[in-house]
Protein backbone atom coordinates (compact mmCIF):
# COMPACT_ATOMS: atom_id res chain seq x y z
CA MET A 1 69.95 83.27 114.71
CA THR A 2 67.00 81.07 115.68
CA VAL A 3 66.16 77.39 115.27
CA VAL A 4 62.95 77.45 113.22
CA THR A 5 62.59 73.88 111.98
CA GLY A 6 63.88 70.39 112.62
CA CYS A 7 63.58 66.77 111.61
CA PHE A 8 64.11 64.06 114.26
CA GLY A 9 63.04 60.82 112.64
CA ALA A 10 59.26 60.65 112.60
CA SER A 11 59.13 63.74 114.81
CA SER A 12 59.59 67.12 113.20
CA PHE A 13 58.60 70.71 113.75
CA THR A 14 58.31 73.84 111.65
CA SER A 15 56.63 76.54 113.70
CA ASP A 16 55.19 74.99 116.88
CA VAL A 17 58.47 74.16 118.63
CA SER A 18 56.87 74.09 122.09
CA SER A 19 54.49 71.26 121.18
CA TRP A 20 57.36 69.28 119.69
CA GLY A 21 59.48 69.75 122.79
CA SER A 22 56.71 68.73 125.17
CA SER A 23 56.08 65.55 123.15
CA LEU A 24 59.60 64.23 123.76
CA SER A 25 60.51 61.89 126.58
CA GLU A 26 62.90 63.07 129.26
CA ASP A 27 65.60 60.71 127.96
CA MET A 28 65.30 62.17 124.45
CA LYS A 29 65.46 65.70 125.78
CA LYS A 30 68.53 64.85 127.85
CA LEU A 31 70.28 63.27 124.86
CA ILE A 32 69.73 66.33 122.65
CA VAL A 33 70.69 68.71 125.47
CA GLN A 34 73.90 66.75 126.07
CA SER A 35 74.93 67.16 122.45
CA VAL A 36 74.23 70.89 122.12
CA THR A 37 75.72 71.84 125.52
CA ILE A 38 78.88 69.73 125.57
CA ASN A 39 79.59 70.36 121.88
CA SER A 40 79.69 74.11 122.39
CA THR A 41 82.11 76.83 123.43
CA ALA A 42 79.37 79.40 124.11
CA PHE A 43 78.64 80.51 127.66
CA GLU A 44 76.05 82.39 129.65
CA GLY A 45 76.87 86.00 130.41
CA ASP A 46 75.42 89.42 131.01
CA GLN A 47 74.86 91.51 127.91
CA ASP A 48 73.04 94.84 128.06
CA GLY A 49 71.75 93.99 131.51
CA ALA A 50 70.23 90.63 130.53
CA LEU A 51 71.48 87.06 130.96
CA THR A 52 72.06 85.60 127.52
CA PHE A 53 74.23 83.14 125.62
CA ILE A 54 77.46 84.56 124.25
CA GLY A 55 79.48 82.88 121.52
CA ALA A 56 79.09 81.59 117.97
CA LYS A 57 75.62 82.36 116.65
CA THR A 58 74.93 78.76 115.63
CA GLU A 59 75.78 77.49 119.11
CA THR A 60 73.76 80.16 120.90
CA ALA A 61 70.72 79.34 118.74
CA LEU A 62 70.93 75.65 119.69
CA LEU A 63 71.41 76.49 123.37
CA GLN A 64 68.39 78.78 123.25
CA LEU A 65 66.36 75.88 121.81
CA ALA A 66 67.53 73.64 124.66
CA LYS A 67 66.68 76.25 127.28
CA ASP A 68 63.28 77.24 125.90
CA HIS A 69 61.89 73.86 124.84
CA LEU A 70 64.04 70.99 126.16
CA GLY A 71 64.14 71.79 129.86
CA MET A 72 67.77 72.94 130.21
CA GLN A 73 68.01 75.10 133.34
CA SER A 74 71.62 76.25 133.57
CA LEU A 75 74.34 75.79 130.98
CA ALA A 76 77.11 75.72 133.58
CA GLU A 77 75.28 73.15 135.74
CA THR A 78 74.44 70.96 132.75
CA ARG A 79 78.09 70.83 131.73
CA ALA A 80 79.25 70.27 135.30
CA ASN A 81 76.86 67.31 135.69
CA GLU A 82 78.40 65.50 132.73
CA ASP A 83 81.67 63.60 132.99
CA THR A 84 83.39 64.88 129.85
CA VAL A 85 86.26 62.66 128.76
CA LEU A 86 87.48 64.58 125.72
CA ILE A 87 86.44 67.31 123.34
CA GLU A 88 87.64 67.87 119.80
CA PRO A 89 86.90 71.53 118.97
CA PHE A 90 85.11 72.61 115.84
CA ASP A 91 87.38 72.40 112.83
CA SER A 92 86.65 74.74 109.93
CA ILE A 93 87.98 72.09 107.55
CA LYS A 94 86.13 69.08 109.00
CA LYS A 95 83.01 71.20 109.73
CA TYR A 96 82.05 69.39 112.94
CA MET A 97 82.79 69.17 116.67
CA VAL A 98 83.16 65.97 118.73
CA ALA A 99 82.81 65.22 122.44
CA VAL A 100 82.96 62.02 124.47
CA ILE A 101 81.25 61.76 127.86
CA LYS A 102 81.13 59.00 130.48
CA VAL A 103 77.74 57.32 130.90
CA PRO A 104 76.72 54.34 133.09
CA SER A 105 76.86 51.96 130.12
CA GLY A 106 80.31 53.12 129.01
CA TYR A 107 81.04 56.11 126.78
CA ARG A 108 78.85 58.27 124.60
CA LEU A 109 80.12 59.93 121.44
CA LEU A 110 78.41 63.22 120.58
CA ILE A 111 78.88 65.01 117.25
CA LYS A 112 77.42 68.29 116.06
CA GLY A 113 78.24 69.81 112.70
CA ALA A 114 77.38 70.41 109.07
CA SER A 115 74.43 68.14 108.33
CA GLU A 116 75.60 66.62 105.05
CA ILE A 117 79.09 66.02 106.53
CA VAL A 118 78.00 64.20 109.70
CA LEU A 119 75.34 62.31 107.73
CA GLU A 120 78.18 60.42 106.01
CA PHE A 121 79.10 58.85 109.38
CA CYS A 122 75.58 57.48 109.97
CA THR A 123 73.91 54.22 109.03
CA THR A 124 71.02 54.43 111.50
CA HIS A 125 68.76 57.07 112.93
CA MET A 126 66.76 57.32 116.12
CA ASN A 127 63.01 57.47 115.91
CA VAL A 128 62.84 60.16 118.56
CA PRO A 129 59.20 59.67 119.65
CA THR A 130 59.75 55.96 120.39
CA GLY A 131 63.48 55.86 121.07
CA ASP A 132 63.98 53.01 118.59
CA ILE A 133 67.12 52.75 116.45
CA GLU A 134 66.13 52.23 112.82
CA PRO A 135 67.98 52.00 109.50
CA LEU A 136 68.71 55.42 108.09
CA ASP A 137 66.56 56.60 105.21
CA ARG A 138 69.38 58.58 103.64
CA LYS A 139 67.33 59.85 100.71
CA ALA A 140 64.60 61.27 102.96
CA THR A 141 67.18 62.93 105.19
CA GLU A 142 69.02 64.46 102.24
CA ASP A 143 65.71 65.75 100.89
CA ALA A 144 64.95 67.35 104.27
CA ILE A 145 68.39 68.99 104.32
CA ALA A 146 67.88 70.29 100.79
CA ALA A 147 64.44 71.65 101.71
CA PHE A 148 65.86 73.49 104.73
CA ALA A 149 68.79 74.86 102.74
CA GLY A 150 66.47 76.02 99.96
CA LYS A 151 64.79 78.26 102.54
CA SER A 152 68.15 79.94 103.36
CA LEU A 153 68.43 77.94 106.60
CA ARG A 154 71.72 76.76 108.06
CA THR A 155 71.43 73.00 108.60
CA ILE A 156 73.08 71.34 111.60
CA GLY A 157 73.20 67.59 112.19
CA ILE A 158 73.22 65.99 115.65
CA VAL A 159 74.78 62.52 115.87
CA TYR A 160 75.57 60.13 118.72
CA LYS A 161 76.55 56.56 119.58
CA ASP A 162 77.25 54.63 122.79
CA PHE A 163 80.48 52.61 123.15
CA GLN A 164 81.93 50.25 125.73
CA GLU A 165 85.34 51.91 125.39
CA ILE A 166 86.56 55.35 124.33
CA PRO A 167 85.93 55.47 120.58
CA ASP A 168 88.56 56.14 117.96
CA LEU A 169 87.83 59.62 116.61
CA GLU A 170 89.81 58.91 113.46
CA SER A 171 87.38 56.18 112.44
CA LEU A 172 83.84 57.49 112.65
CA ASN A 173 81.24 55.18 111.11
CA ASP A 174 78.01 53.33 111.88
CA LEU A 175 76.78 56.24 113.98
CA THR A 176 73.18 57.18 114.78
CA LEU A 177 71.56 60.35 113.54
CA LEU A 178 69.44 62.08 116.16
CA GLY A 179 68.16 64.79 113.85
CA VAL A 180 68.73 67.82 111.69
CA VAL A 181 67.73 71.37 112.60
CA GLY A 182 67.37 74.42 110.39
CA ILE A 183 68.66 77.70 111.80
CA GLN A 184 67.46 80.96 110.35
CA ASP A 185 70.03 83.71 109.96
CA PRO A 186 67.91 86.50 108.50
CA VAL A 187 69.57 88.91 106.14
CA ARG A 188 70.02 92.25 107.86
CA PRO A 189 67.91 95.10 106.57
CA GLY A 190 69.87 97.14 104.09
CA VAL A 191 72.32 94.41 103.07
CA PRO A 192 70.78 93.76 99.60
CA ALA A 193 70.78 97.52 98.98
CA ALA A 194 74.39 97.74 100.18
CA VAL A 195 75.45 94.95 97.80
CA LYS A 196 73.68 96.78 94.98
CA ASN A 197 75.38 100.06 95.90
CA ALA A 198 78.76 98.33 96.01
CA LEU A 199 78.14 96.98 92.51
CA ARG A 200 77.25 100.52 91.39
CA ALA A 201 80.66 101.58 92.64
CA GLY A 202 82.38 98.82 90.68
CA VAL A 203 82.89 96.55 93.70
CA ARG A 204 81.76 92.96 93.20
CA THR A 205 80.77 91.06 96.33
CA ARG A 206 81.56 87.35 96.68
CA MET A 207 80.34 85.04 99.43
CA VAL A 208 82.80 82.66 101.09
CA THR A 209 81.06 80.57 103.74
CA GLY A 210 81.15 77.31 105.63
CA ASP A 211 77.47 76.62 104.92
CA ASN A 212 76.43 74.01 102.39
CA ILE A 213 76.03 75.13 98.83
CA LEU A 214 72.22 75.13 98.82
CA THR A 215 72.02 77.42 101.86
CA ALA A 216 74.82 79.62 100.57
CA ARG A 217 73.24 79.95 97.13
CA ALA A 218 69.83 80.81 98.62
CA ILE A 219 71.25 83.48 100.95
CA ALA A 220 73.48 84.89 98.20
CA THR A 221 70.49 85.13 95.87
CA GLU A 222 68.48 86.90 98.58
CA CYS A 223 71.31 89.39 99.09
CA GLY A 224 71.82 89.98 95.38
CA ILE A 225 75.29 88.42 95.36
CA PHE A 226 74.50 85.35 93.27
CA THR A 227 73.18 86.19 89.81
CA ASP A 228 74.51 84.38 86.74
CA GLY A 229 77.92 83.42 88.09
CA ILE A 230 79.43 80.25 89.52
CA ALA A 231 78.72 78.66 92.91
CA MET A 232 80.95 75.82 94.06
CA GLU A 233 82.11 74.04 97.20
CA GLY A 234 85.53 74.17 98.81
CA PRO A 235 86.66 70.62 97.95
CA GLU A 236 85.91 71.21 94.27
CA PHE A 237 87.66 74.60 94.44
CA ARG A 238 90.79 73.01 95.93
CA ARG A 239 91.03 70.49 93.09
CA LEU A 240 91.35 73.21 90.43
CA SER A 241 94.73 73.92 88.86
CA GLU A 242 96.08 77.46 88.68
CA GLU A 243 94.96 77.79 85.06
CA GLU A 244 91.48 76.55 85.95
CA LEU A 245 91.37 78.91 88.94
CA ASP A 246 92.22 81.87 86.73
CA ARG A 247 89.37 80.94 84.39
CA THR A 248 86.86 80.23 87.16
CA ILE A 249 87.53 82.96 89.74
CA PRO A 250 86.35 85.94 87.63
CA ARG A 251 82.85 84.38 87.53
CA LEU A 252 82.91 82.81 91.01
CA GLN A 253 80.24 84.38 93.22
CA VAL A 254 79.64 81.79 95.97
CA LEU A 255 82.19 79.49 97.61
CA ALA A 256 80.47 77.13 100.06
CA ARG A 257 81.85 74.63 102.55
CA SER A 258 85.12 76.49 102.32
CA SER A 259 88.13 76.42 104.59
CA PRO A 260 90.25 79.40 105.69
CA GLU A 261 92.89 78.28 103.20
CA ASP A 262 90.30 78.43 100.39
CA LYS A 263 89.57 82.01 101.38
CA ARG A 264 93.27 82.91 101.37
CA ILE A 265 93.84 81.25 97.99
CA LEU A 266 90.86 83.12 96.52
CA VAL A 267 92.29 86.43 97.77
CA THR A 268 95.79 85.79 96.44
CA ARG A 269 94.53 84.62 93.04
CA LEU A 270 92.28 87.67 92.71
CA LYS A 271 95.25 89.91 93.48
CA ALA A 272 97.35 88.02 90.94
CA LEU A 273 94.65 88.79 88.37
CA GLY A 274 95.09 92.49 89.09
CA GLU A 275 92.08 92.97 91.36
CA THR A 276 92.03 95.09 94.50
CA VAL A 277 90.61 92.88 97.24
CA ALA A 278 88.87 93.67 100.52
CA VAL A 279 88.06 90.82 102.92
CA THR A 280 85.71 90.59 105.88
CA GLY A 281 86.32 88.17 108.73
CA ASP A 282 85.68 87.67 112.41
CA GLY A 283 87.47 84.48 113.38
CA THR A 284 91.05 83.59 114.17
CA ASN A 285 91.15 81.40 111.05
CA ASP A 286 90.34 84.44 108.91
CA ALA A 287 93.63 86.14 109.81
CA PRO A 288 95.65 84.81 106.82
CA ALA A 289 93.02 86.04 104.33
CA LEU A 290 92.72 89.38 106.13
CA LYS A 291 96.48 89.86 105.94
CA ALA A 292 96.66 88.78 102.30
CA ALA A 293 93.97 91.26 101.23
CA ASP A 294 94.60 94.86 100.23
CA VAL A 295 92.14 95.91 102.93
CA GLY A 296 90.93 93.72 105.79
CA PHE A 297 87.63 94.40 107.58
CA SER A 298 87.16 92.70 110.95
CA MET A 299 84.09 92.68 113.16
CA GLY A 300 84.21 94.87 116.24
CA VAL A 301 81.48 93.03 118.16
CA SER A 302 81.90 89.36 117.25
CA GLY A 303 85.46 89.46 115.93
CA THR A 304 88.40 87.89 117.73
CA GLU A 305 91.45 89.90 118.75
CA VAL A 306 93.54 87.98 116.21
CA ALA A 307 91.20 89.02 113.40
CA LYS A 308 91.21 92.63 114.58
CA GLU A 309 95.02 92.71 114.67
CA ALA A 310 95.21 91.26 111.15
CA SER A 311 92.77 93.79 109.68
CA GLU A 312 93.13 97.45 108.75
CA ILE A 313 89.54 98.52 109.48
CA ILE A 314 87.23 97.38 112.29
CA LEU A 315 83.47 97.52 111.73
CA MET A 316 82.12 98.54 115.10
CA ASP A 317 78.55 97.47 114.25
CA ASP A 318 79.39 94.23 112.36
CA ASN A 319 77.24 95.50 109.50
CA PHE A 320 78.01 95.05 105.81
CA THR A 321 76.41 98.41 105.04
CA SER A 322 79.26 100.05 106.96
CA ILE A 323 81.66 98.81 104.27
CA VAL A 324 79.79 100.84 101.66
CA THR A 325 79.93 103.82 104.03
CA ALA A 326 83.70 103.32 104.35
CA LEU A 327 83.94 103.11 100.56
CA LYS A 328 82.10 106.41 100.18
CA TRP A 329 84.26 108.15 102.77
CA GLY A 330 87.44 106.73 101.26
CA ARG A 331 86.56 108.19 97.88
CA ALA A 332 85.51 111.47 99.51
CA VAL A 333 88.87 111.77 101.31
CA ASN A 334 90.76 111.00 98.10
CA ASP A 335 88.69 113.64 96.30
CA ALA A 336 89.39 116.16 99.08
CA VAL A 337 93.15 115.66 98.68
CA GLN A 338 92.90 116.08 94.91
CA LYS A 339 90.74 119.21 95.21
CA PHE A 340 93.22 120.79 97.60
CA LEU A 341 96.18 119.89 95.40
CA GLN A 342 94.43 121.32 92.35
CA PHE A 343 93.87 124.59 94.20
CA GLN A 344 97.28 124.76 95.87
CA ILE A 345 99.35 124.02 92.77
CA THR A 346 97.45 126.69 90.84
CA VAL A 347 98.25 129.31 93.48
CA ASN A 348 101.87 128.20 93.74
CA ILE A 349 102.50 128.31 89.99
CA THR A 350 100.86 131.72 89.65
CA ALA A 351 102.52 133.29 92.69
CA VAL A 352 106.01 132.02 91.85
CA LEU A 353 105.85 133.13 88.21
CA LEU A 354 104.40 136.52 89.15
CA ALA A 355 107.12 137.07 91.72
CA PHE A 356 109.86 136.08 89.26
CA ILE A 357 108.58 138.07 86.25
CA THR A 358 107.72 141.27 88.12
CA SER A 359 110.94 141.19 90.17
CA MET A 360 113.01 140.90 87.01
CA TYR A 361 111.13 143.81 85.43
CA ASN A 362 111.19 146.12 88.47
CA GLU A 363 114.27 148.30 88.93
CA ASP A 364 114.27 147.66 92.69
CA MET A 365 113.67 143.90 92.23
CA GLU A 366 110.34 144.21 94.06
CA PRO A 367 107.61 141.71 93.13
CA VAL A 368 104.04 142.79 92.45
CA LEU A 369 102.88 140.95 95.59
CA LYS A 370 104.66 141.99 98.79
CA ALA A 371 105.91 139.51 101.38
CA VAL A 372 103.06 140.09 103.83
CA GLN A 373 100.51 139.86 101.02
CA LEU A 374 101.99 136.51 99.98
CA LEU A 375 101.81 135.40 103.61
CA TRP A 376 98.06 136.11 103.64
CA ILE A 377 97.64 134.31 100.31
CA ASN A 378 99.50 131.31 101.72
CA LEU A 379 97.21 131.36 104.74
CA ILE A 380 94.27 131.12 102.33
CA MET A 381 96.00 128.43 100.32
CA ASP A 382 97.34 126.18 103.07
CA THR A 383 94.84 126.48 105.88
CA MET A 384 91.47 127.89 104.99
CA ALA A 385 91.24 126.33 101.52
CA ALA A 386 92.25 122.95 102.92
CA LEU A 387 89.43 123.14 105.47
CA ALA A 388 86.92 124.38 102.92
CA LEU A 389 87.72 121.81 100.23
CA ALA A 390 88.17 118.87 102.60
CA THR A 391 84.75 119.12 104.23
CA ASP A 392 82.48 118.08 101.36
CA PRO A 393 80.55 115.08 102.74
CA PRO A 394 80.21 111.99 100.53
CA THR A 395 77.01 111.55 98.56
CA ASP A 396 75.44 108.53 96.89
CA ALA A 397 76.52 109.95 93.53
CA ILE A 398 80.12 109.14 94.45
CA LEU A 399 79.24 105.45 94.03
CA ASP A 400 78.42 105.95 90.36
CA ARG A 401 82.11 106.34 89.52
CA PRO A 402 84.22 103.32 88.63
CA PRO A 403 87.07 102.58 91.06
CA GLN A 404 90.46 104.06 90.29
CA PRO A 405 93.27 101.60 89.53
CA LYS A 406 96.29 101.46 91.82
CA SER A 407 98.44 102.97 89.08
CA ALA A 408 96.18 106.02 88.68
CA PRO A 409 98.12 109.27 89.27
CA LEU A 410 97.14 111.45 92.19
CA ILE A 411 96.99 114.46 89.87
CA THR A 412 94.88 113.46 86.88
CA MET A 413 94.91 114.95 83.38
CA ASN A 414 91.66 116.79 84.13
CA MET A 415 93.30 118.34 87.18
CA TRP A 416 96.36 119.42 85.19
CA LYS A 417 94.07 120.95 82.59
CA MET A 418 92.33 123.06 85.24
CA ILE A 419 95.61 123.91 87.01
CA ILE A 420 97.29 125.14 83.83
CA GLY A 421 94.15 126.81 82.52
CA GLN A 422 93.53 128.79 85.72
CA SER A 423 97.24 129.62 86.06
CA ILE A 424 97.23 131.08 82.53
CA PHE A 425 94.12 133.15 83.30
CA GLN A 426 95.47 134.50 86.60
CA LEU A 427 98.89 135.28 85.14
CA ALA A 428 97.34 137.05 82.16
CA VAL A 429 95.06 139.20 84.34
CA ILE A 430 97.74 140.22 86.83
CA LEU A 431 100.44 140.87 84.22
CA VAL A 432 98.09 142.96 82.08
CA LEU A 433 97.19 145.03 85.13
CA TYR A 434 100.82 145.26 86.22
CA PHE A 435 102.14 146.45 82.86
CA ALA A 436 99.10 148.30 81.46
CA GLY A 437 96.80 148.78 84.42
CA GLY A 438 97.55 152.48 84.70
CA ALA A 439 96.47 153.13 81.14
CA ILE A 440 93.42 150.85 81.36
CA LEU A 441 92.14 152.26 84.66
CA ASN A 442 93.41 155.80 84.03
CA TYR A 443 95.81 155.87 87.01
CA ASP A 444 98.99 157.92 87.03
CA VAL A 445 101.46 155.23 88.06
CA SER A 446 104.36 157.67 87.78
CA ILE A 447 103.45 159.01 91.21
CA ALA A 448 103.54 156.92 94.38
CA SER A 449 99.84 157.25 95.21
CA GLY A 450 98.73 156.08 91.76
CA LYS A 451 101.15 153.15 91.83
CA LEU A 452 100.00 152.17 95.33
CA GLN A 453 96.36 152.30 94.28
CA LEU A 454 97.03 150.02 91.30
CA ASP A 455 99.00 147.59 93.49
CA THR A 456 96.08 147.47 95.92
CA ILE A 457 93.65 146.57 93.14
CA ILE A 458 96.05 143.89 91.85
CA PHE A 459 96.37 142.38 95.33
CA ASN A 460 92.59 142.45 95.83
CA ILE A 461 91.89 140.87 92.43
CA PHE A 462 94.46 138.13 93.04
CA VAL A 463 92.90 137.16 96.38
CA TRP A 464 89.39 137.20 94.93
CA MET A 465 90.53 134.98 92.05
CA GLN A 466 91.63 132.39 94.61
CA ILE A 467 88.24 132.59 96.33
CA PHE A 468 86.38 132.03 93.05
CA ASN A 469 88.84 129.33 92.00
CA GLU A 470 87.94 127.40 95.15
CA LEU A 471 84.53 126.89 93.58
CA ASN A 472 86.17 125.63 90.37
CA CYS A 473 88.24 123.18 92.41
CA ARG A 474 85.13 121.59 93.95
CA ARG A 475 84.84 119.54 90.76
CA LEU A 476 87.52 117.18 89.48
CA ASP A 477 85.71 116.19 86.28
CA ASN A 478 84.48 118.05 83.21
CA LYS A 479 80.96 118.67 84.49
CA LEU A 480 80.04 122.34 84.67
CA ASN A 481 78.00 122.75 87.87
CA VAL A 482 80.60 123.72 90.48
CA PHE A 483 77.87 124.75 92.94
CA VAL A 484 76.33 121.28 93.32
CA GLY A 485 75.85 120.49 97.01
CA VAL A 486 77.54 123.68 98.18
CA HIS A 487 74.46 124.67 100.20
CA ARG A 488 74.85 121.50 102.27
CA ASN A 489 78.47 122.21 103.18
CA TRP A 490 78.23 124.85 105.89
CA PHE A 491 81.97 124.58 106.56
CA PHE A 492 82.72 125.69 103.00
CA ILE A 493 80.26 128.59 103.24
CA ALA A 494 81.50 129.69 106.68
CA ILE A 495 85.20 129.51 105.78
CA ASN A 496 84.71 131.49 102.58
CA ALA A 497 82.65 134.05 104.49
CA ILE A 498 85.56 134.40 106.94
CA MET A 499 88.08 134.81 104.08
CA ILE A 500 85.91 137.45 102.39
CA GLY A 501 85.43 139.31 105.66
CA LEU A 502 89.15 139.29 106.43
CA GLN A 503 90.03 140.43 102.89
CA ILE A 504 87.60 143.36 103.18
CA ALA A 505 89.08 144.28 106.56
CA ILE A 506 92.64 144.09 105.19
CA VAL A 507 91.82 146.41 102.28
CA PHE A 508 90.20 148.98 104.57
CA VAL A 509 92.44 148.93 107.65
CA GLY A 510 95.55 146.92 106.73
CA ASP A 511 97.41 149.65 104.84
CA THR A 512 100.44 149.78 107.14
CA VAL A 513 100.99 146.05 107.47
CA PHE A 514 100.05 144.98 103.94
CA ASP A 515 101.56 147.99 102.11
CA ILE A 516 98.32 149.00 100.38
CA ASP A 517 96.47 152.26 99.75
CA PRO A 518 95.52 153.92 103.10
CA ASP A 519 92.22 155.05 101.57
CA GLY A 520 91.30 151.49 100.61
CA LEU A 521 89.14 150.97 97.54
CA ASP A 522 85.95 152.73 96.52
CA GLY A 523 82.80 151.14 95.07
CA PRO A 524 83.86 151.07 91.40
CA GLN A 525 87.25 149.64 92.35
CA TRP A 526 85.58 146.88 94.39
CA ALA A 527 83.28 146.16 91.45
CA ILE A 528 86.26 145.92 89.09
CA SER A 529 88.10 143.59 91.50
CA ILE A 530 85.19 141.20 92.01
CA LEU A 531 83.99 141.17 88.39
CA VAL A 532 87.45 140.54 86.96
CA ALA A 533 88.10 137.79 89.51
CA ALA A 534 84.65 136.28 88.90
CA PHE A 535 85.70 135.56 85.32
CA SER A 536 87.51 132.56 86.86
CA LEU A 537 84.15 130.76 86.79
CA PRO A 538 83.27 131.20 83.09
CA TRP A 539 86.93 130.62 82.25
CA GLY A 540 86.65 127.33 84.15
CA VAL A 541 83.77 126.39 81.84
CA VAL A 542 85.98 127.15 78.83
CA VAL A 543 88.77 125.00 80.27
CA ARG A 544 86.38 122.10 80.88
CA PHE A 545 85.10 122.32 77.32
CA PHE A 546 88.68 122.05 76.02
CA PRO A 547 88.96 118.41 74.83
CA ASP A 548 91.04 116.16 77.05
CA GLU A 549 92.65 114.56 74.01
CA TRP A 550 93.88 117.91 72.74
CA PHE A 551 95.25 118.80 76.15
CA SER A 552 97.04 115.44 76.44
CA TRP A 553 98.56 115.99 73.00
CA CYS A 554 99.78 119.46 74.04
CA VAL A 555 101.29 118.06 77.23
CA TYR A 556 103.14 115.28 75.43
CA LEU A 557 104.40 117.81 72.90
CA VAL A 558 105.56 120.49 75.33
CA ALA A 559 106.56 118.53 78.43
CA PRO A 560 109.61 116.54 77.17
CA PRO A 561 111.88 119.59 76.63
CA PHE A 562 111.13 120.79 80.16
CA VAL A 563 111.84 117.33 81.58
CA VAL A 564 115.18 117.15 79.74
CA CYS A 565 116.16 120.63 80.94
CA TYR A 566 115.17 119.74 84.48
CA ARG A 567 117.28 116.59 84.49
CA TYR A 568 120.38 118.38 83.22
CA MET A 569 119.85 121.21 85.72
CA ALA A 570 119.48 118.67 88.54
CA LYS A 571 122.74 116.96 87.52
CA GLY A 572 124.47 120.33 87.39
CA PHE A 573 123.26 121.33 90.84
CA ARG A 574 124.31 117.96 92.28
CA TRP A 575 127.79 118.37 90.77
CA PHE A 576 128.01 121.93 92.05
CA GLY A 577 126.89 120.86 95.52
CA GLY A 578 129.42 118.03 95.53
CA LEU A 579 132.23 120.58 95.20
CA PHE A 580 131.21 122.17 98.47
CA LYS A 581 130.96 118.78 100.19
CA ARG A 582 134.48 117.82 99.11
CA SER A 583 135.77 121.24 100.14
CA GLY A 584 134.16 120.82 103.55
CA LYS A 585 135.78 117.41 104.08
CA GLU A 586 139.21 118.81 103.19
CA LEU A 587 138.79 121.58 105.74
CA ILE A 588 137.96 119.02 108.44
CA VAL A 589 140.98 116.86 107.65
CA GLU A 590 143.38 119.77 107.38
CA GLY A 591 142.12 121.53 110.51
CA ASP A 592 144.00 121.53 113.80
CA ASN A 593 142.14 118.57 115.30
CA SER A 594 143.45 115.90 117.61
CA GLY A 595 143.83 112.40 116.33
CA GLN A 596 140.75 111.38 118.29
CA ASP A 597 138.60 114.07 116.64
CA THR A 598 139.89 113.16 113.17
CA ALA A 599 139.09 109.50 113.70
CA LYS A 600 135.63 110.46 114.92
CA ASP A 601 135.02 112.59 111.81
CA GLU A 602 136.19 109.80 109.52
CA LYS A 603 133.88 107.34 111.29
CA MET A 604 130.92 109.67 110.91
CA ALA A 605 131.71 110.21 107.22
CA ALA A 606 131.77 106.45 106.63
CA ALA A 607 128.57 105.77 108.56
CA PRO A 608 125.51 104.88 106.51
CA PRO A 609 122.62 107.33 106.45
CA ILE A 610 119.83 106.75 108.94
CA PHE A 611 116.29 107.66 108.01
CA VAL A 612 114.16 108.13 111.10
CA GLY A 613 110.40 107.81 110.87
CA MET A 614 110.19 107.02 107.17
CA GLN A 615 107.09 104.95 106.66
CA THR A 616 104.81 104.42 103.69
CA GLU A 617 101.32 103.04 103.96
CA LYS A 618 98.75 102.31 101.30
CA VAL A 619 95.16 101.85 102.36
């Protein structure tokens, strides 16, 4: 922030601040320096190897003005040279800060704060070049404030008055206006684009600020926040009833001259209207709003420890664009979980049903996939697939989706469609090969070698179907291009290359461990395995073309009987398990235990259950 303009009676400056400063008398310089140094909590410190002012940006900008153009040498010495009687810190509700210092003529009241607020206390102003006290031209001063605010400048008023005795801070009137300065807080590069990207993603940005409404509206327009909505000030906002708030808040884009309580009320009312709310804040007063929000963002550089403790996410660079980055990564992580679940549930359904059906059919109760083969498939499913599907980086296209509501299921209808569709395909392929593979491939399954060769092909096809299905699971919608962006994800390529290499090695040299054909597979058999498994991709296209409405209708038609059966089975198992529990208790009571042991057992049986480490979080 930088002071770029100011109006001090007949003396003003816009660009040539040095000439303005040199034209002032030493008494005028001292008076302005007193106000900006005493009415400040900033301090001088070392930052990145240079001595600079550290604190609130508004205060540091005023101190820099005093140092560069008003002859202030040392902030610490300037404060030490003044006999400060009392200081009333800046109040986010009052919007000003007050100090009283001892001067030879008595006491001097110094006020620094929001220009239009402190202007209400003034009836006179000082003609800075001459030092004369003159009646205040309120209209001209208000016009100057409006002109500064229209240029997106933060306007700060500097007020003083000398008293014989310590003034009553509860009754501030008939004060003298020294001047008004305009402080430029330039919009960071990339912020308008970030606001636009957030809107693309369905996230509406609202500005809540302590600045006056003209400055706030100008900055919000520059950032792309204020368009055709409502801009209002905190006092007007506080006068609204709950019904009026509910009508106004959906269109509210700028809330100026607001208090921390206004910010908290806005958050709670938005949540009551069903919105998911994220809040940014850096001050201690922002803590209630940060806690009330669904997600709180605090500033890592300028934020207070209280704000950081009240927030869930800390922006280490204090940049709004990082919020959009966090939004993209949040959606990418959610997508990664859904992709993995879509893949894992498909494998689980297929493997369990294959094991059950083939075990029931086989005379020796042996499933088509052996235990070690299932172990390798689970390694693909639980470890390698998780790494492959969880490493897709977020792209800008992820912002084109609307946000998901809180009630949205983790496994969507599109996911269930792909899960069931791929499970049907994999079951059909493996069962056809298991029951008719000998006839189709012309193998004599009546002899051990022919049966082992067929089992090897079945195992190989099943693994390759999972590899191809990983590509299907890269998309969670009905779009057909499952290869989009795959060339940018080297983790996905490398992990699949490792899986393919290990599968080839297992087929050729893993006969003893994996119970497969010692001779492995020849070229035609490899071609059959890969081509049959590759049909997972065109089958995925067929599944995606299947209308969602038809699939939903099928689910609602078929699912209820399964749910009813499951509930009755669950009740039956609970009843059956309860028999064993009661039997166990009887054995304990009737056993040859001492009275002390029996009492101990009864106490343990009556104790409530303790759940250790159960915690749920929603980010």
